[in-house]
């Protein structure tokens, strides 16, 4: 964090100052070494796995578009038959459903802010992206994207301003958050500063659709380059033109930030900074295998259900034009050979059971690997302890991802606070309890009786109620315990006032007759 020289400057979006040394002016001819679109080796290593999970996330239409990759043409299979097989094949998207289910486990309880989060940031949380999206919704989308790809990031930006801003002017503007997809991270560099690895350069790819003519549009690709040196953070927005040169679109600095305001969202697949293996990549491969086997199964069923006409001692009939006759309800075949035979034959279907068992096993494996009961699993002989161990192993990966989001959000809160001139951004909590089972009402009643009749500690019961999902996780148990004690004391006072003392006659009810 850096102190502001002028306390009236509460925030500045990059928008002033020249491009720092190392930037490329528009007259420079680009080479692979200084082209901002050059992807780092770490990015290139991740391209294959990232492409697979993105295709499966997009769904059946994307998978069908990539038919040559996910459902290749068989040897000796002509194009017409391949097209028919592709049309009949159905992609069951277990991958996306699993990712959505796991995200739902994390966000069955909304993120909650601790009391140290400044009130101004809590107010901004209602529309954290500056366009009406609530912080809880933003976090859910960020987690889902990071869990799919293995990584994501939060970029904390500030509206562009010119010159110094008074406090009154500053209150009309506010920081906002942007979700950065792993696909848009082009390259980065780090350095050790004061014993800590710090991001010193980052290149992001920005793809937007811009108007073309009266009604058309075209894609525009630009690159935002961040640099940090000795606590000074600057940026440049550039575009590679058709002449192989670099056009400088905009430059600026971040006087309120000592670091590039990008918060990494890491998951259980993290290998290094912005480098990861998608946590569900193995499940993606199983889903592809299911798609391929389902195609074979559907093709086998089709062939089994369609009988083939077989003839022995019969010449292939032709019409007057010498063309082969298509067998059907309106055609017949004649032969003068008494030994000739003609009959329909069909596949006996013995292999279909084996195909079906293979598909069921794949679905079971997908359900196990995805930590979600997407399909019925026949594991009756498995002990409860073994199931708990399996779940704990899976949950640990999910918990790591949830913790990665929590760290990223807290870092983003600090960047947010820096823009506002606030010392600390505070802390948040992301749910990491995935049991999803609320305490039963009968158990709650039993605990209440223990407190009333056996002097069981009320605090312990409150903690159990909170862990059991019967009390919100952000409830302050200390305050609740004090309120309960005060309520009990007040009730005791009321009871003492209305209860007659020993030897005193009770008030007789008035005669209504």
Protein backbone atom coordinates (compact mmCIF):
# COMPACT_ATOMS: atom_id res chain seq x y z
CA UNK A 1 0.00 0.00 0.00
CA UNK A 2 1.23 3.46 -0.79
CA UNK A 3 0.29 6.65 1.02
CA UNK A 4 -1.11 9.39 -1.16
CA UNK A 5 0.90 12.58 -1.34
CA UNK A 6 -2.27 14.58 -1.81
CA UNK A 7 -5.16 13.38 0.43
CA UNK A 8 -7.70 14.87 -1.99
CA UNK A 9 -6.71 12.32 -4.65
CA UNK A 10 -8.66 9.25 -3.65
CA UNK A 11 -8.30 7.31 -6.88
CA UNK A 12 -7.04 7.48 -10.43
CA UNK A 13 -7.65 5.23 -13.37
CA UNK A 14 -4.66 4.89 -15.72
CA UNK A 15 -4.93 7.83 -18.02
CA UNK A 16 -1.95 10.09 -17.59
CA UNK A 17 1.77 9.90 -18.18
CA UNK A 18 3.84 8.50 -21.09
CA UNK A 19 4.42 4.86 -21.86
CA UNK A 20 7.25 3.55 -19.70
CA UNK A 21 10.55 2.29 -21.04
CA UNK A 22 10.06 -1.04 -22.73
CA UNK A 23 6.81 -0.11 -24.46
CA UNK A 24 6.72 -0.18 -28.24
CA UNK A 25 5.88 2.98 -30.20
CA UNK A 26 3.84 2.72 -33.37
CA UNK A 27 6.90 2.99 -35.62
CA UNK A 28 8.48 -0.23 -34.34
CA UNK A 29 8.33 -3.26 -36.62
CA UNK A 30 7.12 -6.18 -34.52
CA UNK A 31 9.09 -9.36 -34.01
CA UNK A 32 8.16 -12.42 -32.00
CA UNK A 33 10.24 -11.12 -29.07
CA UNK A 34 8.44 -7.78 -28.74
CA UNK A 35 4.98 -8.69 -30.00
CA UNK A 36 2.49 -8.38 -27.09
CA UNK A 37 0.39 -11.21 -28.53
CA UNK A 38 3.30 -13.64 -28.02
CA UNK A 39 2.06 -16.22 -25.53
CA UNK A 40 4.41 -17.39 -22.83
CA UNK A 41 5.55 -21.00 -22.72
CA UNK A 42 3.44 -21.55 -19.61
CA UNK A 43 0.36 -20.40 -21.53
CA UNK A 44 1.25 -22.64 -24.47
CA UNK A 45 1.64 -25.63 -22.16
CA UNK A 46 -1.88 -25.12 -20.89
CA UNK A 47 -3.52 -24.59 -24.28
CA UNK A 48 -4.54 -28.19 -24.98
CA UNK A 49 -6.24 -28.88 -21.64
CA UNK A 50 -7.82 -25.44 -21.56
CA UNK A 51 -9.24 -25.93 -25.05
CA UNK A 52 -10.83 -29.25 -24.07
CA UNK A 53 -12.57 -27.97 -20.94
CA UNK A 54 -13.77 -24.83 -22.73
CA UNK A 55 -15.28 -26.91 -25.52
CA UNK A 56 -17.12 -29.15 -23.06
CA UNK A 57 -18.25 -26.15 -21.05
CA UNK A 58 -19.72 -24.62 -24.22
CA UNK A 59 -21.83 -27.73 -24.77
CA UNK A 60 -23.06 -30.05 -27.51
CA UNK A 61 -22.92 -27.59 -30.40
CA UNK A 62 -19.26 -26.76 -29.78
CA UNK A 63 -18.40 -30.44 -29.41
CA UNK A 64 -20.17 -31.19 -32.68
CA UNK A 65 -18.26 -28.39 -34.39
CA UNK A 66 -15.05 -30.11 -33.27
CA UNK A 67 -16.26 -33.49 -34.50
CA UNK A 68 -12.91 -34.32 -36.05
CA UNK A 69 -11.36 -34.10 -32.58
CA UNK A 70 -14.02 -35.61 -30.33
CA UNK A 71 -15.77 -38.05 -32.68
CA UNK A 72 -13.29 -38.89 -35.45
CA UNK A 73 -14.28 -40.63 -38.66
CA UNK A 74 -13.63 -44.36 -38.59
CA UNK A 75 -11.33 -46.03 -41.14
CA UNK A 76 -13.26 -47.08 -44.27
CA UNK A 77 -16.26 -44.99 -43.10
CA UNK A 78 -17.38 -42.83 -46.03
CA UNK A 79 -18.34 -39.22 -45.54
CA UNK A 80 -22.07 -39.78 -45.96
CA UNK A 81 -22.26 -42.50 -43.31
CA UNK A 82 -20.04 -40.45 -40.99
CA UNK A 83 -22.36 -37.46 -41.33
CA UNK A 84 -25.36 -39.65 -40.44
CA UNK A 85 -23.55 -41.10 -37.41
CA UNK A 86 -22.53 -37.63 -36.25
CA UNK A 87 -26.11 -36.40 -36.57
CA UNK A 88 -27.41 -39.30 -34.46
CA UNK A 89 -24.76 -38.98 -31.73
CA UNK A 90 -25.83 -37.15 -28.57
CA UNK A 91 -23.37 -35.47 -26.22
CA UNK A 92 -24.43 -35.76 -22.56
CA UNK A 93 -22.71 -32.88 -20.79
CA UNK A 94 -21.79 -34.48 -17.47
CA UNK A 95 -18.78 -32.16 -17.30
CA UNK A 96 -20.70 -28.90 -17.07
CA UNK A 97 -23.39 -30.38 -14.83
CA UNK A 98 -20.69 -31.54 -12.41
CA UNK A 99 -18.99 -28.15 -12.39
CA UNK A 100 -22.34 -26.45 -11.75
CA UNK A 101 -23.15 -28.91 -8.96
CA UNK A 102 -19.82 -28.41 -7.22
CA UNK A 103 -20.16 -24.64 -7.54
CA UNK A 104 -23.60 -24.96 -5.98
CA UNK A 105 -22.11 -26.80 -3.00
CA UNK A 106 -19.74 -23.92 -2.34
CA UNK A 107 -22.41 -21.25 -2.80
CA UNK A 108 -25.26 -22.93 -0.95
CA UNK A 109 -24.21 -20.33 1.62
CA UNK A 110 -23.52 -16.85 0.23
CA UNK A 111 -20.11 -15.28 0.90
CA UNK A 112 -20.19 -13.11 4.01
CA UNK A 113 -18.08 -10.11 4.94
CA UNK A 114 -16.41 -9.73 8.28
CA UNK A 115 -16.98 -6.64 10.37
CA UNK A 116 -13.61 -5.20 9.32
CA UNK A 117 -14.80 -4.55 5.75
CA UNK A 118 -15.32 -0.77 5.44
CA UNK A 119 -18.92 0.41 5.08
CA UNK A 120 -18.13 2.09 1.75
CA UNK A 121 -16.94 -1.20 0.24
CA UNK A 122 -19.98 -3.01 1.66
CA UNK A 123 -22.10 -0.45 -0.16
CA UNK A 124 -20.18 -1.06 -3.39
CA UNK A 125 -20.62 -4.84 -2.96
CA UNK A 126 -24.23 -4.41 -4.06
CA UNK A 127 -22.94 -3.70 -7.59
CA UNK A 128 -19.31 -4.71 -7.47
CA UNK A 129 -18.80 -4.69 -11.24
CA UNK A 130 -20.14 -1.15 -11.54
CA UNK A 131 -22.98 -2.42 -13.72
CA UNK A 132 -25.41 -3.81 -11.16
CA UNK A 133 -23.97 -7.27 -10.48
CA UNK A 134 -24.01 -8.15 -6.78
CA UNK A 135 -20.73 -9.28 -5.23
CA UNK A 136 -22.19 -12.69 -4.36
CA UNK A 137 -23.15 -13.28 -7.99
CA UNK A 138 -19.74 -12.07 -9.17
CA UNK A 139 -18.00 -14.48 -6.80
CA UNK A 140 -20.08 -17.41 -7.98
CA UNK A 141 -19.30 -16.67 -11.64
CA UNK A 142 -15.61 -16.22 -10.80
CA UNK A 143 -15.45 -19.54 -8.93
CA UNK A 144 -17.23 -21.43 -11.71
CA UNK A 145 -14.88 -20.03 -14.36
CA UNK A 146 -11.76 -20.72 -12.31
CA UNK A 147 -12.91 -24.24 -11.46
CA UNK A 148 -13.51 -24.98 -15.13
CA UNK A 149 -10.22 -23.55 -16.39
CA UNK A 150 -7.98 -24.01 -13.35
CA UNK A 151 -7.40 -20.28 -12.99
CA UNK A 152 -9.07 -16.91 -13.28
CA UNK A 153 -8.32 -13.43 -11.94
CA UNK A 154 -10.04 -10.31 -10.63
CA UNK A 155 -8.99 -6.98 -12.11
CA UNK A 156 -9.92 -4.01 -9.92
CA UNK A 157 -10.29 -0.94 -12.13
CA UNK A 158 -11.25 2.68 -11.65
CA UNK A 159 -13.17 5.05 -14.01
CA UNK A 160 -10.89 7.24 -16.05
CA UNK A 161 -10.43 10.74 -14.66
CA UNK A 162 -8.27 13.71 -15.55
CA UNK A 163 -6.32 15.74 -13.02
CA UNK A 164 -6.84 15.90 -9.28
CA UNK A 165 -10.18 14.90 -7.82
CA UNK A 166 -11.83 16.57 -4.87
CA UNK A 167 -13.63 14.38 -2.35
CA UNK A 168 -16.99 15.53 -3.71
CA UNK A 169 -15.92 14.62 -7.24
CA UNK A 170 -14.49 11.33 -6.10
CA UNK A 171 -17.76 10.25 -4.51
CA UNK A 172 -19.40 10.34 -7.92
CA UNK A 173 -16.99 7.61 -9.07
CA UNK A 174 -16.01 4.26 -7.62
CA UNK A 175 -13.78 1.26 -8.30
CA UNK A 176 -15.25 -1.77 -10.04
CA UNK A 177 -14.23 -5.39 -10.57
CA UNK A 178 -13.73 -7.29 -13.82
CA UNK A 179 -13.46 -11.06 -14.18
CA UNK A 180 -10.37 -12.04 -16.18
CA UNK A 181 -10.57 -15.42 -17.88
CA UNK A 182 -7.53 -17.66 -18.04
CA UNK A 183 -7.84 -17.60 -21.83
CA UNK A 184 -7.12 -13.84 -21.86
CA UNK A 185 -3.87 -14.01 -19.88
CA UNK A 186 -1.13 -13.82 -22.54
CA UNK A 187 2.11 -13.58 -20.56
CA UNK A 188 3.61 -12.35 -17.30
CA UNK A 189 6.88 -11.74 -15.50
CA UNK A 190 7.74 -11.70 -11.81
CA UNK A 191 10.58 -10.53 -9.59
CA UNK A 192 11.57 -10.99 -5.97
CA UNK A 193 10.94 -7.77 -4.06
CA UNK A 194 11.65 -7.69 -0.33
CA UNK A 195 11.73 -11.47 -0.24
CA UNK A 196 8.38 -11.90 -1.99
CA UNK A 197 7.54 -12.86 -5.58
CA UNK A 198 5.77 -9.87 -7.15
CA UNK A 199 4.10 -9.55 -10.52
CA UNK A 200 6.12 -6.99 -12.53
CA UNK A 201 4.58 -7.39 -15.98
CA UNK A 202 1.28 -8.74 -17.23
CA UNK A 203 -0.30 -8.79 -20.70
CA UNK A 204 -4.05 -9.29 -21.10
CA UNK A 205 -5.87 -9.83 -24.37
CA UNK A 206 -9.05 -7.79 -24.79
CA UNK A 207 -11.53 -8.97 -27.43
CA UNK A 208 -14.55 -6.79 -28.15
CA UNK A 209 -17.07 -6.48 -30.98
CA UNK A 210 -17.11 -3.04 -32.62
CA UNK A 211 -19.59 -1.65 -35.19
CA UNK A 212 -18.85 -2.14 -38.89
CA UNK A 213 -20.91 -0.11 -41.34
CA UNK A 214 -24.57 0.46 -40.67
CA UNK A 215 -25.43 -2.91 -39.15
CA UNK A 216 -22.38 -5.13 -39.17
CA UNK A 217 -19.73 -5.74 -36.56
CA UNK A 218 -16.21 -7.09 -36.33
CA UNK A 219 -13.92 -8.33 -33.60
CA UNK A 220 -11.30 -5.96 -32.25
CA UNK A 221 -8.27 -7.41 -30.45
CA UNK A 222 -6.13 -5.23 -28.21
CA UNK A 223 -3.56 -5.91 -25.52
CA UNK A 224 -3.35 -4.23 -22.13
CA UNK A 225 0.19 -4.25 -20.77
CA UNK A 226 0.79 -3.66 -17.05
CA UNK A 227 4.18 -2.96 -15.54
CA UNK A 228 5.33 -2.49 -11.96
CA UNK A 229 8.71 -1.16 -10.93
CA UNK A 230 9.64 -0.11 -7.39
CA UNK A 231 6.02 0.40 -6.42
CA UNK A 232 5.10 2.39 -9.55
CA UNK A 233 2.34 0.78 -11.63
CA UNK A 234 1.63 1.81 -15.22
CA UNK A 235 -0.29 0.45 -18.17
CA UNK A 236 -0.42 0.72 -21.96
CA UNK A 237 -3.24 -0.29 -24.30
CA UNK A 238 -1.90 -1.31 -27.72
CA UNK A 239 -3.11 -2.87 -30.96
CA UNK A 240 -1.18 -4.79 -33.59
CA UNK A 241 -2.03 -3.31 -36.99
CA UNK A 242 -2.16 -5.02 -40.38
CA UNK A 243 1.23 -3.56 -41.33
CA UNK A 244 2.91 -5.56 -38.58
CA UNK A 245 3.41 -2.56 -36.33
CA UNK A 246 2.10 -1.60 -32.91
CA UNK A 247 -0.41 1.21 -32.43
CA UNK A 248 -0.43 2.85 -29.00
CA UNK A 249 -4.05 3.48 -27.99
CA UNK A 250 -3.71 4.72 -24.42
CA UNK A 251 -1.31 4.87 -21.48
CA UNK A 252 -1.53 5.73 -17.82
CA UNK A 253 -0.53 4.94 -14.27
CA UNK A 254 -2.03 3.82 -10.97
CA UNK A 255 -0.84 6.28 -8.33
CA UNK A 256 -2.95 4.64 -5.62
CA UNK A 257 -1.58 1.12 -6.19
CA UNK A 258 1.83 -0.29 -5.34
CA UNK A 259 1.12 -3.50 -7.25
CA UNK A 260 -0.66 -4.41 -10.45
CA UNK A 261 -4.31 -4.56 -9.31
CA UNK A 262 -4.87 -8.15 -10.43
CA UNK A 263 -5.87 -10.83 -7.90
CA UNK A 264 -5.14 -14.43 -8.91
CA UNK A 265 -7.92 -16.99 -8.32
CA UNK A 266 -6.10 -20.28 -7.86
CA UNK A 267 -7.68 -23.72 -7.61
CA UNK A 268 -6.51 -27.19 -6.59
CA UNK A 269 -4.89 -27.59 -10.01
CA UNK A 270 -2.42 -24.72 -9.47
CA UNK A 271 1.12 -25.34 -10.73
CA UNK A 272 2.40 -21.78 -10.45
CA UNK A 273 1.32 -18.19 -10.97
CA UNK A 274 -1.47 -18.26 -13.60
CA UNK A 275 -0.45 -21.83 -14.50
CA UNK A 276 -2.68 -24.77 -13.64
CA UNK A 277 -4.21 -28.06 -14.68
CA UNK A 278 -8.01 -27.76 -14.88
CA UNK A 279 -9.34 -29.67 -11.82
CA UNK A 280 -11.97 -31.47 -13.89
CA UNK A 281 -9.77 -32.31 -16.89
CA UNK A 282 -9.80 -36.06 -16.16
CA UNK A 283 -13.58 -35.94 -15.96
CA UNK A 284 -13.60 -34.14 -19.32
CA UNK A 285 -11.70 -37.01 -20.93
CA UNK A 286 -14.18 -39.50 -19.46
CA UNK A 287 -17.04 -37.41 -20.82
CA UNK A 288 -15.48 -37.49 -24.28
CA UNK A 289 -15.05 -41.28 -24.01
CA UNK A 290 -18.74 -41.55 -23.07
CA UNK A 291 -19.68 -39.49 -26.14
CA UNK A 292 -17.66 -41.79 -28.40
CA UNK A 293 -19.00 -45.00 -26.85
CA UNK A 294 -22.55 -43.68 -26.92
CA UNK A 295 -22.12 -43.04 -30.65
CA UNK A 296 -20.99 -46.63 -31.18
CA UNK A 297 -23.89 -47.89 -29.07
CA UNK A 298 -26.48 -45.83 -30.97
CA UNK A 299 -25.03 -46.98 -34.29
CA UNK A 300 -25.18 -50.62 -33.19
CA UNK A 301 -28.81 -50.26 -32.11
CA UNK A 302 -29.69 -48.71 -35.46
CA UNK A 303 -28.06 -51.53 -37.38
CA UNK A 304 -29.70 -54.12 -35.13
CA UNK A 305 -33.15 -52.66 -35.75
CA UNK A 306 -32.77 -52.49 -39.54
CA UNK A 307 -32.82 -55.96 -41.19
CA UNK A 308 -30.77 -56.60 -44.33
CA UNK A 309 -32.18 -58.45 -47.36
CA UNK A 310 -30.01 -61.46 -48.18
CA UNK A 311 -30.34 -63.52 -51.38
CA UNK A 312 -28.65 -66.69 -52.61
CA UNK A 313 -28.86 -67.75 -56.26
CA UNK A 314 -30.60 -64.49 -57.16
CA UNK A 315 -29.16 -61.95 -59.54
CA UNK A 316 -29.37 -58.32 -58.54
CA UNK A 317 -32.53 -57.01 -60.23
CA UNK A 318 -32.37 -53.94 -62.41
CA UNK A 319 -34.97 -51.64 -63.94
CA UNK A 320 -35.42 -50.77 -67.61
CA UNK A 321 -32.63 -48.23 -67.37
CA UNK A 322 -30.26 -50.87 -66.07
CA UNK A 323 -30.16 -49.34 -62.59
CA UNK A 324 -30.35 -51.43 -59.43
CA UNK A 325 -33.83 -51.75 -57.95
CA UNK A 326 -34.27 -50.27 -54.47
CA UNK A 327 -35.99 -52.85 -52.31
CA UNK A 328 -39.12 -51.56 -50.62
CA UNK A 329 -42.85 -51.94 -50.20
CA UNK A 330 -43.46 -51.06 -53.88
CA UNK A 331 -40.93 -53.41 -55.44
CA UNK A 332 -40.46 -57.18 -55.70
CA UNK A 333 -37.79 -59.66 -56.80
CA UNK A 334 -38.39 -62.73 -59.00
CA UNK A 335 -36.19 -65.69 -59.79
CA UNK A 336 -36.72 -68.79 -61.98
CA UNK A 337 -34.08 -70.76 -60.05
CA UNK A 338 -35.89 -73.19 -57.72
CA UNK A 339 -32.85 -73.28 -55.42
CA UNK A 340 -32.80 -69.53 -54.97
CA UNK A 341 -33.48 -68.14 -51.53
CA UNK A 342 -34.30 -64.60 -50.40
CA UNK A 343 -34.81 -63.56 -46.78
CA UNK A 344 -34.21 -60.77 -44.29
CA UNK A 345 -31.45 -61.17 -41.76
CA UNK A 346 -30.51 -59.00 -38.79
CA UNK A 347 -27.85 -58.57 -36.12
CA UNK A 348 -28.57 -60.71 -33.06
CA UNK A 349 -27.72 -57.82 -30.71
CA UNK A 350 -25.47 -59.86 -28.40
CA UNK A 351 -22.89 -57.07 -28.25
CA UNK A 352 -25.40 -54.44 -27.11
CA UNK A 353 -25.36 -55.61 -23.49
CA UNK A 354 -21.60 -55.21 -23.35
CA UNK A 355 -21.88 -51.72 -24.83
CA UNK A 356 -24.53 -50.78 -22.28
CA UNK A 357 -22.42 -52.05 -19.38
CA UNK A 358 -19.44 -50.05 -20.61
CA UNK A 359 -21.57 -46.89 -20.77
CA UNK A 360 -22.94 -47.49 -17.26
CA UNK A 361 -19.42 -47.98 -15.89
CA UNK A 362 -18.28 -44.76 -17.53
CA UNK A 363 -21.19 -42.84 -16.00
CA UNK A 364 -20.36 -44.32 -12.62
CA UNK A 365 -16.70 -43.29 -12.98
CA UNK A 366 -17.77 -39.79 -13.99
CA UNK A 367 -20.02 -39.55 -10.93
CA UNK A 368 -17.23 -40.69 -8.60
CA UNK A 369 -14.61 -38.45 -10.18
CA UNK A 370 -16.94 -35.46 -10.13
CA UNK A 371 -17.88 -35.97 -6.46
CA UNK A 372 -21.49 -35.84 -7.49
CA UNK A 373 -24.12 -38.55 -7.76
CA UNK A 374 -24.98 -37.80 -11.35
CA UNK A 375 -25.85 -41.44 -12.00
CA UNK A 376 -26.95 -44.28 -9.70
CA UNK A 377 -23.86 -46.05 -8.41
CA UNK A 378 -23.93 -49.69 -7.34
CA UNK A 379 -21.60 -49.57 -4.34
CA UNK A 380 -23.74 -51.36 -1.81
CA UNK A 381 -20.85 -53.27 -0.23
CA UNK A 382 -18.87 -50.12 0.48
CA UNK A 383 -18.64 -49.14 4.12
CA UNK A 384 -19.81 -45.78 5.40
CA UNK A 385 -16.26 -44.98 6.47
CA UNK A 386 -14.91 -45.65 2.97
CA UNK A 387 -17.55 -43.34 1.50
CA UNK A 388 -16.63 -40.64 4.00
CA UNK A 389 -12.94 -40.96 3.10
CA UNK A 390 -13.79 -40.73 -0.62
CA UNK A 391 -15.87 -37.62 0.00
CA UNK A 392 -13.21 -36.01 2.20
CA UNK A 393 -10.63 -36.51 -0.56
CA UNK A 394 -12.87 -34.86 -3.13
CA UNK A 395 -14.00 -32.12 -0.82
CA UNK A 396 -10.43 -31.20 -0.04
CA UNK A 397 -9.88 -30.21 -3.70
CA UNK A 398 -13.11 -28.23 -3.65
CA UNK A 399 -12.09 -26.58 -0.38
CA UNK A 400 -8.74 -25.56 -1.89
CA UNK A 401 -10.57 -23.90 -4.78
CA UNK A 402 -12.94 -22.12 -2.38
CA UNK A 403 -9.99 -20.91 -0.35
CA UNK A 404 -8.31 -19.68 -3.54
CA UNK A 405 -11.36 -17.58 -4.33
CA UNK A 406 -11.42 -16.21 -0.78
CA UNK A 407 -7.76 -15.13 -1.00
CA UNK A 408 -8.40 -13.46 -4.37
CA UNK A 409 -11.47 -11.58 -3.12
CA UNK A 410 -9.60 -10.32 -0.07
CA UNK A 411 -6.75 -9.10 -2.28
CA UNK A 412 -9.28 -7.39 -4.55
CA UNK A 413 -10.86 -5.74 -1.51
CA UNK A 414 -7.46 -4.30 -0.64
CA UNK A 415 -7.00 -2.92 -4.16
CA UNK A 416 -10.52 -1.49 -3.86
CA UNK A 417 -9.62 0.14 -0.55
CA UNK A 418 -6.41 1.60 -2.02
CA UNK A 419 -8.43 3.44 -4.66
CA UNK A 420 -10.63 4.91 -1.93
CA UNK A 421 -7.75 5.90 0.32
CA UNK A 422 -8.84 3.39 3.00
CA UNK A 423 -6.04 1.57 4.90
CA UNK A 424 -7.58 -1.93 4.92
CA UNK A 425 -10.07 -3.72 2.70
CA UNK A 426 -11.13 -6.30 5.26
CA UNK A 427 -11.83 -10.01 5.03
CA UNK A 428 -14.55 -12.28 3.64
CA UNK A 429 -15.50 -15.89 4.18
CA UNK A 430 -16.27 -18.34 1.39
CA UNK A 431 -18.18 -21.46 2.44
CA UNK A 432 -16.05 -24.60 2.73
CA UNK A 433 -18.61 -26.81 4.49
CA UNK A 434 -19.98 -29.06 1.77
CA UNK A 435 -22.01 -31.57 3.73
CA UNK A 436 -25.16 -29.63 2.94
CA UNK A 437 -27.20 -31.34 5.67
CA UNK A 438 -29.11 -29.11 8.06
CA UNK A 439 -29.58 -30.22 11.64
CA UNK A 440 -32.90 -32.04 12.04
CA UNK A 441 -35.60 -30.38 14.15
CA UNK A 442 -35.73 -33.35 16.55
CA UNK A 443 -32.02 -32.89 17.30
CA UNK A 444 -32.59 -29.18 17.93
CA UNK A 445 -35.37 -30.00 20.42
CA UNK A 446 -33.14 -32.51 22.21
CA UNK A 447 -30.35 -29.94 22.58
CA UNK A 448 -32.85 -27.40 23.94
CA UNK A 449 -33.97 -29.88 26.59
CA UNK A 450 -30.34 -30.52 27.58
CA UNK A 451 -29.82 -26.80 28.15
CA UNK A 452 -33.06 -26.42 30.12
CA UNK A 453 -33.02 -29.60 32.19
CA UNK A 454 -29.37 -30.60 32.51
CA UNK A 455 -27.55 -27.26 32.42
CA UNK A 456 -25.86 -28.05 29.10
CA UNK A 457 -23.75 -25.02 27.97
CA UNK A 458 -25.85 -22.82 25.70
CA UNK A 459 -22.76 -21.66 23.79
CA UNK A 460 -21.96 -25.20 22.70
CA UNK A 461 -25.51 -25.63 21.38
CA UNK A 462 -25.27 -22.36 19.44
CA UNK A 463 -22.05 -23.53 17.80
CA UNK A 464 -23.68 -26.83 16.85
CA UNK A 465 -26.69 -25.02 15.40
CA UNK A 466 -24.39 -22.85 13.30
CA UNK A 467 -22.40 -25.83 12.02
CA UNK A 468 -25.67 -27.64 11.32
CA UNK A 469 -26.90 -24.83 9.08
CA UNK A 470 -29.63 -23.64 11.45
CA UNK A 471 -27.89 -20.33 12.16
CA UNK A 472 -26.35 -18.13 9.44
CA UNK A 473 -22.53 -18.35 9.40
CA UNK A 474 -22.16 -14.60 9.84
CA UNK A 475 -24.15 -14.47 13.11
CA UNK A 476 -22.01 -13.25 16.00
CA UNK A 477 -22.47 -15.95 18.64
CA UNK A 478 -21.10 -13.74 21.42
CA UNK A 479 -23.75 -11.10 20.80
CA UNK A 480 -26.45 -13.73 20.40
CA UNK A 481 -25.48 -15.35 23.69
CA UNK A 482 -25.67 -11.98 25.49
CA UNK A 483 -29.08 -11.25 23.96
CA UNK A 484 -30.36 -14.66 25.04
CA UNK A 485 -29.08 -14.13 28.59
CA UNK A 486 -30.72 -10.70 28.75
CA UNK A 487 -33.98 -12.11 27.40
CA UNK A 488 -33.95 -14.93 29.96
CA UNK A 489 -33.25 -12.48 32.80
CA UNK A 490 -36.09 -10.22 31.66
CA UNK A 491 -38.45 -13.18 31.41
CA UNK A 492 -37.45 -14.32 34.90
CA UNK A 493 -38.25 -10.84 36.27
CA UNK A 494 -41.67 -10.89 34.63
CA UNK A 495 -42.40 -14.36 35.97
CA UNK A 496 -41.42 -13.30 39.49
CA UNK A 497 -43.70 -10.27 39.32
CA UNK A 498 -46.79 -12.23 38.31
CA UNK A 499 -46.20 -15.29 40.51
CA UNK A 500 -47.88 -14.93 43.98
CA UNK A 501 -45.61 -15.26 46.99
CA UNK A 502 -46.01 -18.13 49.43
CA UNK A 503 -49.05 -17.63 51.70
CA UNK A 504 -50.64 -15.01 49.48
CA UNK A 505 -54.01 -15.92 47.92
CA UNK A 506 -54.10 -16.12 44.18
CA UNK A 507 -56.27 -13.60 42.38
CA UNK A 508 -59.70 -15.01 41.82
CA UNK A 509 -61.02 -14.87 38.30
CA UNK A 510 -63.95 -12.40 37.98
CA UNK A 511 -67.45 -13.82 38.00
CA UNK A 512 -68.78 -13.61 34.46
CA UNK A 513 -72.34 -14.47 35.38
